[in-house]
PDB file of N, CA and C in Angstrom:
ATOM      1  N   MET A   1      59.338 255.239  14.356  1.00  0.00           N
ATOM      2  CA  MET A   1      60.511 254.363  14.363  1.00  0.00           C
ATOM      3  C   MET A   1      61.000 254.285  15.830  1.00  0.00           C
ATOM      4  N   LEU A   2      61.502 253.113  16.300  1.00  0.00           N
ATOM      5  CA  LEU A   2      62.072 252.985  17.593  1.00  0.00           C
ATOM      6  C   LEU A   2      63.548 253.142  17.513  1.00  0.00           C
ATOM      7  N   ALA A   3      63.981 254.056  18.368  1.00  0.00           N
ATOM      8  CA  ALA A   3      65.543 254.173  18.470  1.00  0.00           C
ATOM      9  C   ALA A   3      65.921 253.869  19.909  1.00  0.00           C
ATOM     10  N   ILE A   4      66.948 253.077  20.170  1.00  0.00           N
ATOM     11  CA  ILE A   4      67.364 252.666  21.550  1.00  0.00           C
ATOM     12  C   ILE A   4      68.855 253.183  21.723  1.00  0.00           C
ATOM     13  N   CYS A   5      69.118 253.842  22.735  1.00  0.00           N
ATOM     14  CA  CYS A   5      70.480 254.294  23.132  1.00  0.00           C
ATOM     15  C   CYS A   5      71.378 253.137  23.276  1.00  0.00           C
ATOM     16  N   GLU A   6      72.467 253.112  22.629  1.00  0.00           N
ATOM     17  CA  GLU A   6      73.404 251.957  22.808  1.00  0.00           C
ATOM     18  C   GLU A   6      74.011 251.931  24.077  1.00  0.00           C
ATOM     19  N   ASP A   7      74.199 253.031  24.797  1.00  0.00           N
ATOM     20  CA  ASP A   7      74.812 253.097  26.128  1.00  0.00           C
ATOM     21  C   ASP A   7      73.925 252.652  27.248  1.00  0.00           C
ATOM     22  N   CYS A   8      72.759 253.379  27.372  1.00  0.00           N
ATOM     23  CA  CYS A   8      71.874 253.226  28.586  1.00  0.00           C
ATOM     24  C   CYS A   8      70.570 252.441  28.231  1.00  0.00           C
ATOM     25  N   SER A   9      70.287 252.165  26.998  1.00  0.00           N
ATOM     26  CA  SER A   9      69.098 251.405  26.572  1.00  0.00           C
ATOM     27  C   SER A   9      67.842 252.201  26.715  1.00  0.00           C
ATOM     28  N   LYS A  10      67.849 253.575  26.803  1.00  0.00           N
ATOM     29  CA  LYS A  10      66.644 254.355  26.790  1.00  0.00           C
ATOM     30  C   LYS A  10      66.028 254.254  25.562  1.00  0.00           C
ATOM     31  N   LYS A  11      64.738 254.150  25.450  1.00  0.00           N
ATOM     32  CA  LYS A  11      64.013 253.939  24.122  1.00  0.00           C
ATOM     33  C   LYS A  11      63.312 255.356  23.700  1.00  0.00           C
ATOM     34  N   TYR A  12      63.405 255.573  22.464  1.00  0.00           N
ATOM     35  CA  TYR A  12      62.859 256.793  21.899  1.00  0.00           C
ATOM     36  C   TYR A  12      62.003 256.510  20.696  1.00  0.00           C
ATOM     37  N   ASN A  13      60.777 257.115  20.618  1.00  0.00           N
ATOM     38  CA  ASN A  13      59.938 256.886  19.470  1.00  0.00           C
ATOM     39  C   ASN A  13      60.125 258.037  18.587  1.00  0.00           C
ATOM     40  N   ILE A  14      60.646 257.824  17.386  1.00  0.00           N
ATOM     41  CA  ILE A  14      61.030 258.856  16.475  1.00  0.00           C
ATOM     42  C   ILE A  14      59.881 259.001  15.384  1.00  0.00           C
ATOM     43  N   ASP A  15      59.420 260.167  15.165  1.00  0.00           N
ATOM     44  CA  ASP A  15      58.418 260.470  14.084  1.00  0.00           C
ATOM     45  C   ASP A  15      59.179 260.803  12.745  1.00  0.00           C
ATOM     46  N   GLU A  16      59.250 259.838  11.944  1.00  0.00           N
ATOM     47  CA  GLU A  16      60.018 259.974  10.664  1.00  0.00           C
ATOM     48  C   GLU A  16      59.504 261.103   9.823  1.00  0.00           C
ATOM     49  N   SER A  17      58.237 261.532   9.845  1.00  0.00           N
ATOM     50  CA  SER A  17      57.708 262.639   9.148  1.00  0.00           C
ATOM     51  C   SER A  17      58.351 263.963   9.425  1.00  0.00           C
ATOM     52  N   LYS A  18      58.956 264.038  10.700  1.00  0.00           N
ATOM     53  CA  LYS A  18      59.604 265.288  11.114  1.00  0.00           C
ATOM     54  C   LYS A  18      61.138 265.264  10.817  1.00  0.00           C
ATOM     55  N   MET A  19      61.621 264.306  10.271  1.00  0.00           N
ATOM     56  CA  MET A  19      63.067 264.295   9.905  1.00  0.00           C
ATOM     57  C   MET A  19      63.175 264.940   8.553  1.00  0.00           C
ATOM     58  N   LYS A  20      64.202 265.935   8.529  1.00  0.00           N
ATOM     59  CA  LYS A  20      64.411 266.728   7.273  1.00  0.00           C
ATOM     60  C   LYS A  20      65.137 265.873   6.274  1.00  0.00           C
ATOM     61  N   GLY A  21      65.944 264.977   6.560  1.00  0.00           N
ATOM     62  CA  GLY A  21      66.793 264.216   5.635  1.00  0.00           C
ATOM     63  C   GLY A  21      66.674 262.695   5.887  1.00  0.00           C
ATOM     64  N   ASP A  22      67.578 261.930   5.381  1.00  0.00           N
ATOM     65  CA  ASP A  22      67.557 260.512   5.515  1.00  0.00           C
ATOM     66  C   ASP A  22      68.107 260.116   6.865  1.00  0.00           C
ATOM     67  N   ARG A  23      68.852 260.999   7.655  1.00  0.00           N
ATOM     68  CA  ARG A  23      69.401 260.781   8.869  1.00  0.00           C
ATOM     69  C   ARG A  23      69.136 261.848   9.932  1.00  0.00           C
ATOM     70  N   ALA A  24      69.040 261.442  11.197  1.00  0.00           N
ATOM     71  CA  ALA A  24      68.823 262.417  12.194  1.00  0.00           C
ATOM     72  C   ALA A  24      69.818 262.011  13.315  1.00  0.00           C
ATOM     73  N   ARG A  25      70.312 263.073  14.092  1.00  0.00           N
ATOM     74  CA  ARG A  25      71.228 262.839  15.182  1.00  0.00           C
ATOM     75  C   ARG A  25      70.759 263.668  16.407  1.00  0.00           C
ATOM     76  N   PHE A  26      70.738 262.983  17.562  1.00  0.00           N
ATOM     77  CA  PHE A  26      70.332 263.642  18.779  1.00  0.00           C
ATOM     78  C   PHE A  26      71.041 263.003  19.956  1.00  0.00           C
ATOM     79  N   SER A  27      71.085 263.685  21.075  1.00  0.00           N
ATOM     80  CA  SER A  27      71.718 263.290  22.256  1.00  0.00           C
ATOM     81  C   SER A  27      70.786 262.570  23.126  1.00  0.00           C
ATOM     82  N   CYS A  28      71.055 261.469  23.782  1.00  0.00           N
ATOM     83  CA  CYS A  28      70.239 260.812  24.777  1.00  0.00           C
ATOM     84  C   CYS A  28      70.000 261.722  25.956  1.00  0.00           C
ATOM     85  N   GLN A  29      68.860 261.796  26.375  1.00  0.00           N
ATOM     86  CA  GLN A  29      68.509 262.625  27.597  1.00  0.00           C
ATOM     87  C   GLN A  29      68.936 261.996  28.857  1.00  0.00           C
ATOM     88  N   GLU A  30      69.174 260.743  28.856  1.00  0.00           N
ATOM     89  CA  GLU A  30      69.631 260.028  30.100  1.00  0.00           C
ATOM     90  C   GLU A  30      71.153 260.120  30.279  1.00  0.00           C
ATOM     91  N   CYS A  31      71.996 259.805  29.266  1.00  0.00           N
ATOM     92  CA  CYS A  31      73.310 259.735  29.438  1.00  0.00           C
ATOM     93  C   CYS A  31      74.196 260.609  28.509  1.00  0.00           C
ATOM     94  N   GLY A  32      73.554 261.287  27.511  1.00  0.00           N
ATOM     95  CA  GLY A  32      74.289 262.183  26.602  1.00  0.00           C
ATOM     96  C   GLY A  32      74.865 261.570  25.425  1.00  0.00           C
ATOM     97  N   HIS A  33      74.760 260.228  25.272  1.00  0.00           N
ATOM     98  CA  HIS A  33      75.255 259.487  24.128  1.00  0.00           C
ATOM     99  C   HIS A  33      74.593 260.013  22.892  1.00  0.00           C
ATOM    100  N   ILE A  34      75.391 260.175  21.807  1.00  0.00           N
ATOM    101  CA  ILE A  34      74.941 260.615  20.437  1.00  0.00           C
ATOM    102  C   ILE A  34      74.207 259.479  19.780  1.00  0.00           C
ATOM    103  N   ILE A  35      72.970 259.616  19.464  1.00  0.00           N
ATOM    104  CA  ILE A  35      72.280 258.594  18.712  1.00  0.00           C
ATOM    105  C   ILE A  35      71.982 259.064  17.226  1.00  0.00           C
ATOM    106  N   VAL A  36      72.308 258.223  16.246  1.00  0.00           N
ATOM    107  CA  VAL A  36      72.053 258.511  14.900  1.00  0.00           C
ATOM    108  C   VAL A  36      71.002 257.530  14.336  1.00  0.00           C
ATOM    109  N   VAL A  37      70.021 258.038  13.806  1.00  0.00           N
ATOM    110  CA  VAL A  37      69.022 257.127  13.203  1.00  0.00           C
ATOM    111  C   VAL A  37      68.905 257.409  11.691  1.00  0.00           C
ATOM    112  N   VAL A  38      68.683 256.402  10.957  1.00  0.00           N
ATOM    113  CA  VAL A  38      68.526 256.405   9.550  1.00  0.00           C
ATOM    114  C   VAL A  38      67.147 256.048   9.109  1.00  0.00           C
ATOM    115  N   ARG A  39      66.562 256.841   8.311  1.00  0.00           N
ATOM    116  CA  ARG A  39      65.208 256.568   7.747  1.00  0.00           C
ATOM    117  C   ARG A  39      65.115 255.217   7.093  1.00  0.00           C
ATOM    118  N   LYS A  40      64.022 254.419   7.193  1.00  0.00           N
ATOM    119  CA  LYS A  40      63.974 253.111   6.482  1.00  0.00           C
ATOM    120  C   LYS A  40      64.025 253.452   5.025  1.00  0.00           C
ATOM    121  N   GLY A  41      64.797 252.556   4.363  1.00  0.00           N
ATOM    122  CA  GLY A  41      64.912 252.585   2.924  1.00  0.00           C
ATOM    123  C   GLY A  41      66.024 253.557   2.449  1.00  0.00           C
ATOM    124  N   ALA A  42      66.608 254.449   3.337  1.00  0.00           N
ATOM    125  CA  ALA A  42      67.658 255.350   2.919  1.00  0.00           C
ATOM    126  C   ALA A  42      68.905 254.598   2.471  1.00  0.00           C
ATOM    127  N   ALA A  43      69.191 253.460   3.068  1.00  0.00           N
ATOM    128  CA  ALA A  43      70.391 252.731   2.525  1.00  0.00           C
ATOM    129  C   ALA A  43      70.144 252.193   1.061  1.00  0.00           C
ATOM    130  N   ASP A  44      68.920 251.996   0.795  1.00  0.00           N
ATOM    131  CA  ASP A  44      68.639 251.514  -0.585  1.00  0.00           C
ATOM    132  C   ASP A  44      68.785 252.615  -1.616  1.00  0.00           C
ATOM    133  N   ARG A  45      68.381 253.867  -1.106  1.00  0.00           N
ATOM    134  CA  ARG A  45      68.481 255.022  -2.111  1.00  0.00           C
ATOM    135  C   ARG A  45      69.952 255.496  -2.319  1.00  0.00           C
ATOM    136  N   SER A  46      70.834 255.171  -1.266  1.00  0.00           N
ATOM    137  CA  SER A  46      72.223 255.605  -1.396  1.00  0.00           C
ATOM    138  C   SER A  46      72.941 254.916  -2.655  1.00  0.00           C
ATOM    139  N   ASP A  47      72.389 253.715  -2.964  1.00  0.00           N
ATOM    140  CA  ASP A  47      72.960 252.892  -4.106  1.00  0.00           C
ATOM    141  C   ASP A  47      72.630 253.609  -5.431  1.00  0.00           C
ATOM    142  N   GLU A  48      71.639 254.521  -5.458  1.00  0.00           N
ATOM    143  CA  GLU A  48      71.254 255.249  -6.629  1.00  0.00           C
ATOM    144  C   GLU A  48      72.048 256.549  -6.888  1.00  0.00           C
ATOM    145  N   ASN A  49      72.785 256.934  -5.871  1.00  0.00           N
ATOM    146  CA  ASN A  49      73.559 258.251  -5.883  1.00  0.00           C
ATOM    147  C   ASN A  49      74.814 257.960  -6.645  1.00  0.00           C
ATOM    148  N   PRO A  50      75.128 258.566  -7.738  1.00  0.00           N
ATOM    149  CA  PRO A  50      76.278 258.407  -8.509  1.00  0.00           C
ATOM    150  C   PRO A  50      77.601 258.772  -7.844  1.00  0.00           C
ATOM    151  N   ALA A  51      77.465 259.717  -6.842  1.00  0.00           N
ATOM    152  CA  ALA A  51      78.639 260.200  -6.124  1.00  0.00           C
ATOM    153  C   ALA A  51      79.225 259.062  -5.276  1.00  0.00           C
ATOM    154  N   THR A  52      78.410 258.106  -4.926  1.00  0.00           N
ATOM    155  CA  THR A  52      78.994 257.031  -4.051  1.00  0.00           C
ATOM    156  C   THR A  52      79.425 255.797  -4.857  1.00  0.00           C
ATOM    157  N   GLN A  53      79.270 255.890  -6.182  1.00  0.00           N
ATOM    158  CA  GLN A  53      79.709 254.812  -7.011  1.00  0.00           C
ATOM    159  C   GLN A  53      81.160 254.956  -7.374  1.00  0.00           C
ATOM    160  N   PRO A  54      81.884 253.809  -7.609  1.00  0.00           N
ATOM    161  CA  PRO A  54      83.325 253.969  -8.021  1.00  0.00           C
ATOM    162  C   PRO A  54      83.360 254.559  -9.413  1.00  0.00           C
ATOM    163  N   ALA A  55      84.502 255.289  -9.641  1.00  0.00           N
ATOM    164  CA  ALA A  55      84.636 255.929 -10.939  1.00  0.00           C
ATOM    165  C   ALA A  55      84.911 254.814 -12.031  1.00  0.00           C
ATOM    166  N   ASP A  56      84.494 255.241 -13.278  1.00  0.00           N
ATOM    167  CA  ASP A  56      84.695 254.323 -14.412  1.00  0.00           C
ATOM    168  C   ASP A  56      86.127 254.518 -14.901  1.00  0.00           C
ATOM    169  N   LYS A  57      87.030 253.590 -14.680  1.00  0.00           N
ATOM    170  CA  LYS A  57      88.447 253.793 -14.953  1.00  0.00           C
ATOM    171  C   LYS A  57      88.717 253.725 -16.494  1.00  0.00           C
ATOM    172  N   SER A  58      87.782 253.271 -17.324  1.00  0.00           N
ATOM    173  CA  SER A  58      88.031 253.201 -18.637  1.00  0.00           C
ATOM    174  C   SER A  58      87.853 254.669 -19.344  1.00  0.00           C
ATOM    175  N   ARG A  59      87.451 255.651 -18.662  1.00  0.00           N
ATOM    176  CA  ARG A  59      87.347 257.012 -19.077  1.00  0.00           C
ATOM    177  C   ARG A  59      88.584 257.814 -18.917  1.00  0.00           C
ATOM    178  N   GLN A  60      89.533 257.307 -18.136  1.00  0.00           N
ATOM    179  CA  GLN A  60      90.687 258.038 -17.771  1.00  0.00           C
ATOM    180  C   GLN A  60      91.736 258.061 -18.865  1.00  0.00           C
TER     181      GLN A  60
END
C-alpha cells in the first residue's frame, strides 16, 4: 500500500501483512508528521461492528 505524507509528500510503501490491526500510525522520517494508514476494506468491516451502530431506542 502506498502512503504519502500530507505535509512533505514523502512516499512510503507499507506492507499490509505486517500491520497488526486495521490501522497503523507512524512518523514521517523527513518532517515528523504523524501518518495514519487504514487497511483496505477496514472501513467496510467497521459497519459490521455493533458497537458503532446507534442504540435501538425501542428497547429503552
